[in-house]
Amino acid sequence: MPYIKTRDGVDLYVKDWGSGRPVVLIHGWPLNSDSWDDHALALAEAGHRVIAYDRRGFGRSSQPWTGYDYDTLADDLAQVLAATGAQDATLVGFSMGGGEIARYMSRHDGKGVNGAALIASVVPYLLKDDSNPDGVDGSVFDEQMKAPIRKDRAAFFAAFAKMFYGVGYITSPVSDQILHHFELMASQAGLKGVLDCIDAFGKTDFRPDLAAFTVPTLIIHGTSDQTVPIDPSARAAARGISNAELIEYDGEPHGLTVTAKDRLTRDLLAFIGGGSRTATWQP
């Protein structure tokens, strides 16, 4: 490695750290696998093989014109698993990355997977419609995200990073350097992929995929998430996945991988290792 080539000729950048039972980390939008580094290091040091990759169009992976739908992205995940030989793996998806897991479980029958974790995930369905009244209005994706990105994406990502990590007017749970790092990762993403993936994570209905989760599934979400509201996502997923356990992080924003880094690491290690976890919410 560090690259594997997909069936349609896209080069995916892959990190492969440590040894032991594999854990595959799937990053959120508009980031890349570096956003998982702190957790990847902790998991590898705890005796796991940790595989993380940059989604097509993001980070150091190729930036093709097409393929930003979840069927294709799930096929990319399948090829990462095949190329690395990962078996009995735990899949961990943050935000948009939860969608890859859901579609992989249904499209590829969960091959090689023995556990799944959805972290601040978009699953099962974000878009507000008659069947999903608690969802997010489509204008948020089209007018408040795609339009300003086309106009000035650097300015958009600077503002978006603050909402992502719950930065307020007076206090901030993260440093200015964390915000800058977010902007750097976002700047590595190709514009076409950035825009197309908004439609993918914002408008894909994963409710039909939930029945394919036949493995133990951990769901973690912040109650103050302004990017992916908890009601149409984590709470709905916990009701729809038979083997799911939901842990709500009170007061945490979307970027809890940073703001609740140590707690998340402990919960992931406990889930993968079968130990005890923090307080749960039952649907």
Protein backbone atom coordinates (compact mmCIF):
# COMPACT_ATOMS: atom_id res chain seq x y z
CA MET A 1 0.00 0.00 0.00
CA PRO A 2 -0.51 3.06 0.66
CA TYR A 3 -2.75 3.05 -2.43
CA ILE A 4 -5.23 0.56 -3.78
CA LYS A 5 -6.91 0.86 -7.16
CA THR A 6 -10.66 0.42 -7.43
CA ARG A 7 -12.44 -1.44 -10.22
CA ASP A 8 -13.04 1.92 -12.00
CA GLY A 9 -9.41 3.01 -11.76
CA VAL A 10 -9.60 5.31 -8.72
CA ASP A 11 -6.59 5.34 -6.37
CA LEU A 12 -7.59 5.25 -2.70
CA TYR A 13 -5.03 6.27 -0.09
CA VAL A 14 -4.94 3.74 2.77
CA LYS A 15 -3.25 3.73 6.17
CA ASP A 16 -2.66 0.35 7.81
CA TRP A 17 -1.36 0.54 11.37
CA GLY A 18 -0.67 -2.13 13.98
CA SER A 19 -1.69 -5.77 14.10
CA GLY A 20 -4.51 -7.80 15.56
CA ARG A 21 -8.24 -7.83 14.94
CA PRO A 22 -8.96 -5.21 12.26
CA VAL A 23 -10.84 -1.97 12.79
CA VAL A 24 -11.71 0.06 9.69
CA LEU A 25 -12.24 3.80 10.19
CA ILE A 26 -14.33 5.75 7.66
CA HIS A 27 -14.08 9.52 7.85
CA GLY A 28 -16.68 12.27 7.61
CA TRP A 29 -17.26 15.09 5.15
CA PRO A 30 -15.23 17.12 4.15
CA LEU A 31 -12.28 15.54 5.95
CA ASN A 32 -9.92 12.62 5.33
CA SER A 33 -8.39 9.73 7.25
CA ASP A 34 -6.09 12.06 9.20
CA SER A 35 -9.16 13.11 11.18
CA TRP A 36 -9.05 9.64 12.80
CA ASP A 37 -5.36 9.70 13.75
CA ASP A 38 -5.73 10.10 17.52
CA HIS A 39 -8.19 7.22 17.73
CA ALA A 40 -6.26 5.12 15.22
CA LEU A 41 -3.12 5.45 17.32
CA ALA A 42 -4.94 4.49 20.52
CA LEU A 43 -6.61 1.48 18.89
CA ALA A 44 -3.35 0.29 17.35
CA GLU A 45 -1.51 0.69 20.65
CA ALA A 46 -4.27 -1.37 22.30
CA GLY A 47 -3.52 -4.30 19.99
CA HIS A 48 -5.72 -3.77 16.95
CA ARG A 49 -4.93 -3.51 13.27
CA VAL A 50 -6.32 -0.14 12.21
CA ILE A 51 -7.16 0.61 8.58
CA ALA A 52 -8.24 4.09 7.52
CA TYR A 53 -8.57 5.46 4.02
CA ASP A 54 -9.35 8.69 2.21
CA ARG A 55 -12.71 8.56 0.43
CA ARG A 56 -12.53 9.08 -3.33
CA GLY A 57 -12.34 12.81 -4.04
CA PHE A 58 -10.90 13.59 -0.60
CA GLY A 59 -7.45 13.81 0.96
CA ARG A 60 -4.77 12.01 -1.05
CA SER A 61 -7.14 9.81 -3.05
CA SER A 62 -7.97 10.39 -6.71
CA GLN A 63 -10.54 13.04 -7.60
CA PRO A 64 -12.71 11.40 -10.29
CA TRP A 65 -15.65 13.18 -11.88
CA THR A 66 -18.17 10.52 -10.84
CA GLY A 67 -18.78 7.90 -8.18
CA TYR A 68 -19.93 9.95 -5.20
CA ASP A 69 -23.10 7.93 -4.66
CA TYR A 70 -23.33 5.46 -1.80
CA ASP A 71 -23.50 2.36 -3.98
CA THR A 72 -20.10 3.26 -5.43
CA LEU A 73 -18.71 4.35 -2.07
CA ALA A 74 -19.80 1.06 -0.50
CA ASP A 75 -18.07 -0.78 -3.34
CA ASP A 76 -14.93 1.23 -2.56
CA LEU A 77 -15.14 0.06 1.05
CA ALA A 78 -15.53 -3.52 -0.16
CA GLN A 79 -12.36 -3.17 -2.21
CA VAL A 80 -10.45 -1.74 0.75
CA LEU A 81 -11.47 -4.76 2.81
CA ALA A 82 -10.53 -7.16 0.03
CA ALA A 83 -7.19 -5.51 -0.74
CA THR A 84 -6.14 -5.41 2.91
CA GLY A 85 -7.44 -8.89 3.65
CA ALA A 86 -9.39 -7.59 6.63
CA GLN A 87 -11.65 -10.27 8.12
CA ASP A 88 -13.86 -10.20 11.22
CA ALA A 89 -13.51 -6.45 11.10
CA THR A 90 -15.26 -3.76 13.08
CA LEU A 91 -16.38 -0.89 10.83
CA VAL A 92 -16.44 2.56 12.43
CA GLY A 93 -18.03 5.38 10.44
CA PHE A 94 -18.15 9.02 11.43
CA SER A 95 -20.88 11.29 10.04
CA MET A 96 -21.03 10.64 6.27
CA GLY A 97 -18.95 7.50 6.90
CA GLY A 98 -21.89 5.84 8.60
CA GLY A 99 -23.62 5.74 5.24
CA GLU A 100 -20.86 3.64 3.70
CA ILE A 101 -21.35 1.12 6.47
CA ALA A 102 -25.12 0.96 6.04
CA ARG A 103 -24.91 0.50 2.29
CA TYR A 104 -22.03 -1.99 2.59
CA MET A 105 -24.06 -4.11 5.00
CA SER A 106 -26.96 -4.35 2.55
CA ARG A 107 -25.13 -4.29 -0.78
CA HIS A 108 -22.33 -6.67 0.24
CA ASP A 109 -24.19 -8.67 2.89
CA GLY A 110 -21.85 -7.45 5.62
CA LYS A 111 -19.08 -9.73 4.34
CA GLY A 112 -16.14 -9.91 6.76
CA VAL A 113 -17.79 -7.67 9.38
CA ASN A 114 -18.42 -8.66 13.00
CA GLY A 115 -19.33 -5.26 14.43
CA ALA A 116 -20.28 -1.73 13.43
CA ALA A 117 -20.10 1.66 15.09
CA LEU A 118 -21.98 4.72 13.84
CA ILE A 119 -20.44 7.90 15.25
CA ALA A 120 -22.45 11.14 14.78
CA SER A 121 -23.71 9.35 11.70
CA VAL A 122 -26.15 10.46 9.00
CA VAL A 123 -27.90 7.08 9.09
CA PRO A 124 -30.77 6.43 8.53
CA TYR A 125 -32.17 9.51 6.72
CA LEU A 126 -31.52 13.23 7.06
CA LEU A 127 -33.79 14.84 4.48
CA LYS A 128 -37.07 16.25 5.74
CA ASP A 129 -40.12 14.97 3.88
CA ASP A 130 -43.58 13.65 4.68
CA SER A 131 -42.11 10.37 5.91
CA ASN A 132 -39.38 12.12 7.93
CA PRO A 133 -40.81 15.26 9.56
CA ASP A 134 -37.89 15.59 12.00
CA GLY A 135 -35.37 15.74 9.16
CA VAL A 136 -33.34 18.61 7.72
CA ASP A 137 -34.96 20.87 5.12
CA GLY A 138 -33.54 20.41 1.64
CA SER A 139 -32.74 24.12 1.43
CA VAL A 140 -30.02 23.60 4.04
CA PHE A 141 -28.11 21.35 1.66
CA ASP A 142 -28.76 23.34 -1.51
CA GLU A 143 -28.86 26.98 -0.35
CA GLN A 144 -26.86 26.99 2.88
CA MET A 145 -24.13 24.56 1.86
CA LYS A 146 -23.72 24.01 -1.88
CA ALA A 147 -24.36 27.62 -2.94
CA PRO A 148 -21.86 29.25 -0.53
CA ILE A 149 -19.27 26.57 -1.28
CA ARG A 150 -19.50 27.46 -4.96
CA LYS A 151 -19.14 31.15 -4.07
CA ASP A 152 -16.28 30.96 -1.51
CA ARG A 153 -15.57 27.52 -0.14
CA ALA A 154 -12.67 28.69 2.05
CA ALA A 155 -14.98 31.10 3.89
CA PHE A 156 -17.68 28.45 4.13
CA PHE A 157 -15.37 25.87 5.69
CA ALA A 158 -13.99 28.40 8.18
CA ALA A 159 -17.54 29.07 9.41
CA PHE A 160 -18.59 25.43 9.16
CA ALA A 161 -15.67 24.29 11.32
CA LYS A 162 -16.95 26.43 14.19
CA MET A 163 -20.43 24.89 14.04
CA PHE A 164 -18.89 21.43 13.61
CA TYR A 165 -17.02 21.75 16.93
CA GLY A 166 -19.60 23.79 18.81
CA VAL A 167 -17.63 27.03 18.95
CA GLY A 168 -19.65 29.89 20.45
CA TYR A 169 -19.18 33.64 20.75
CA ILE A 170 -17.53 33.42 24.17
CA THR A 171 -16.20 29.91 24.67
CA SER A 172 -14.76 27.19 22.45
CA PRO A 173 -14.20 23.49 23.18
CA VAL A 174 -11.33 23.38 20.68
CA SER A 175 -8.23 25.43 19.89
CA ASP A 176 -7.82 27.73 16.93
CA GLN A 177 -5.28 25.23 15.65
CA ILE A 178 -7.93 22.49 15.56
CA LEU A 179 -10.13 24.77 13.47
CA HIS A 180 -7.20 25.44 11.14
CA HIS A 181 -6.49 21.73 10.83
CA PHE A 182 -10.12 21.15 9.85
CA GLU A 183 -9.80 23.81 7.14
CA LEU A 184 -6.58 22.23 5.86
CA MET A 185 -8.20 18.81 5.53
CA ALA A 186 -11.25 20.33 3.84
CA SER A 187 -9.02 22.19 1.37
CA GLN A 188 -7.54 18.87 0.20
CA ALA A 189 -10.92 17.70 -1.07
CA GLY A 190 -11.90 18.12 -4.70
CA LEU A 191 -14.74 20.54 -5.37
CA LYS A 192 -16.82 18.06 -7.39
CA GLY A 193 -16.67 15.43 -4.67
CA VAL A 194 -17.43 17.99 -1.97
CA LEU A 195 -20.59 19.11 -3.76
CA ASP A 196 -21.80 15.68 -4.87
CA CYS A 197 -21.31 14.19 -1.41
CA ILE A 198 -23.64 16.80 0.10
CA ASP A 199 -26.42 15.30 -1.99
CA ALA A 200 -25.27 11.80 -1.05
CA PHE A 201 -25.24 12.20 2.71
CA GLY A 202 -28.08 14.69 2.82
CA LYS A 203 -30.59 12.94 0.60
CA THR A 204 -29.86 9.19 0.69
CA ASP A 205 -32.47 7.13 2.52
CA PHE A 206 -30.77 4.33 4.44
CA ARG A 207 -33.92 3.11 6.18
CA PRO A 208 -34.15 0.07 3.86
CA ASP A 209 -30.53 -0.80 4.76
CA LEU A 210 -31.10 -1.04 8.52
CA ALA A 211 -32.32 -4.64 8.44
CA ALA A 212 -28.92 -5.65 7.05
CA PHE A 213 -27.24 -4.78 10.36
CA THR A 214 -27.03 -8.31 11.74
CA VAL A 215 -23.96 -7.63 13.88
CA PRO A 216 -23.65 -5.80 17.21
CA THR A 217 -23.88 -2.08 16.49
CA LEU A 218 -22.78 0.82 18.66
CA ILE A 219 -24.30 4.25 18.00
CA ILE A 220 -22.74 7.37 19.55
CA HIS A 221 -24.10 10.88 19.03
CA GLY A 222 -23.91 14.28 20.70
CA THR A 223 -27.16 15.79 21.95
CA SER A 224 -26.05 19.28 20.81
CA ASP A 225 -25.13 18.24 17.27
CA GLN A 226 -26.22 21.09 14.98
CA THR A 227 -24.80 19.47 11.85
CA VAL A 228 -26.55 16.08 12.05
CA PRO A 229 -29.48 16.41 14.48
CA ILE A 230 -29.80 13.45 16.79
CA ASP A 231 -33.53 12.72 16.35
CA PRO A 232 -33.64 11.75 12.64
CA SER A 233 -30.24 10.08 12.86
CA ALA A 234 -28.95 8.25 15.94
CA ARG A 235 -32.27 7.84 17.75
CA ALA A 236 -34.00 6.66 14.59
CA ALA A 237 -31.13 4.29 13.80
CA ALA A 238 -31.28 2.83 17.31
CA ARG A 239 -34.95 2.08 16.84
CA GLY A 240 -34.38 0.51 13.43
CA ILE A 241 -31.30 -1.67 14.08
CA SER A 242 -32.09 -4.76 16.13
CA ASN A 243 -28.62 -5.18 17.63
CA ALA A 244 -28.01 -1.51 18.38
CA GLU A 245 -26.92 0.24 21.54
CA LEU A 246 -27.07 4.04 21.62
CA ILE A 247 -24.85 6.20 23.82
CA GLU A 248 -25.78 9.87 23.89
CA TYR A 249 -23.01 12.33 24.71
CA ASP A 250 -24.80 15.10 26.54
CA GLY A 251 -24.00 18.57 25.21
CA GLU A 252 -21.46 17.38 22.64
CA PRO A 253 -21.40 18.85 19.10
CA HIS A 254 -20.97 17.04 15.81
CA GLY A 255 -17.19 16.92 16.05
CA LEU A 256 -17.16 14.81 19.18
CA THR A 257 -14.25 12.81 17.77
CA VAL A 258 -12.24 15.81 18.98
CA THR A 259 -14.33 17.40 21.73
CA ALA A 260 -14.94 14.05 23.48
CA LYS A 261 -11.86 12.30 22.13
CA ASP A 262 -10.86 10.35 25.24
CA ARG A 263 -14.38 9.21 26.04
CA LEU A 264 -14.95 8.08 22.47
CA THR A 265 -11.70 6.12 22.46
CA ARG A 266 -12.71 4.36 25.68
CA ASP A 267 -16.16 3.51 24.32
CA LEU A 268 -14.76 2.20 21.04
CA LEU A 269 -12.18 0.06 22.82
CA ALA A 270 -14.82 -1.31 25.18
CA PHE A 271 -17.15 -2.11 22.27
CA ILE A 272 -14.49 -3.80 20.18
CA GLY A 273 -13.14 -5.66 23.19
CA GLY A 274 -16.51 -6.50 24.68
CA GLY A 275 -16.01 -4.55 27.92
CA SER A 276 -18.30 -2.11 29.73
CA ARG A 277 -19.29 1.24 28.24
CA THR A 278 -20.71 4.50 29.46
CA ALA A 279 -24.39 5.09 30.15
CA THR A 280 -26.77 4.09 27.38
CA TRP A 281 -30.10 5.25 26.03
CA GLN A 282 -32.62 2.64 25.03
CA PRO A 283 -35.08 3.32 22.20
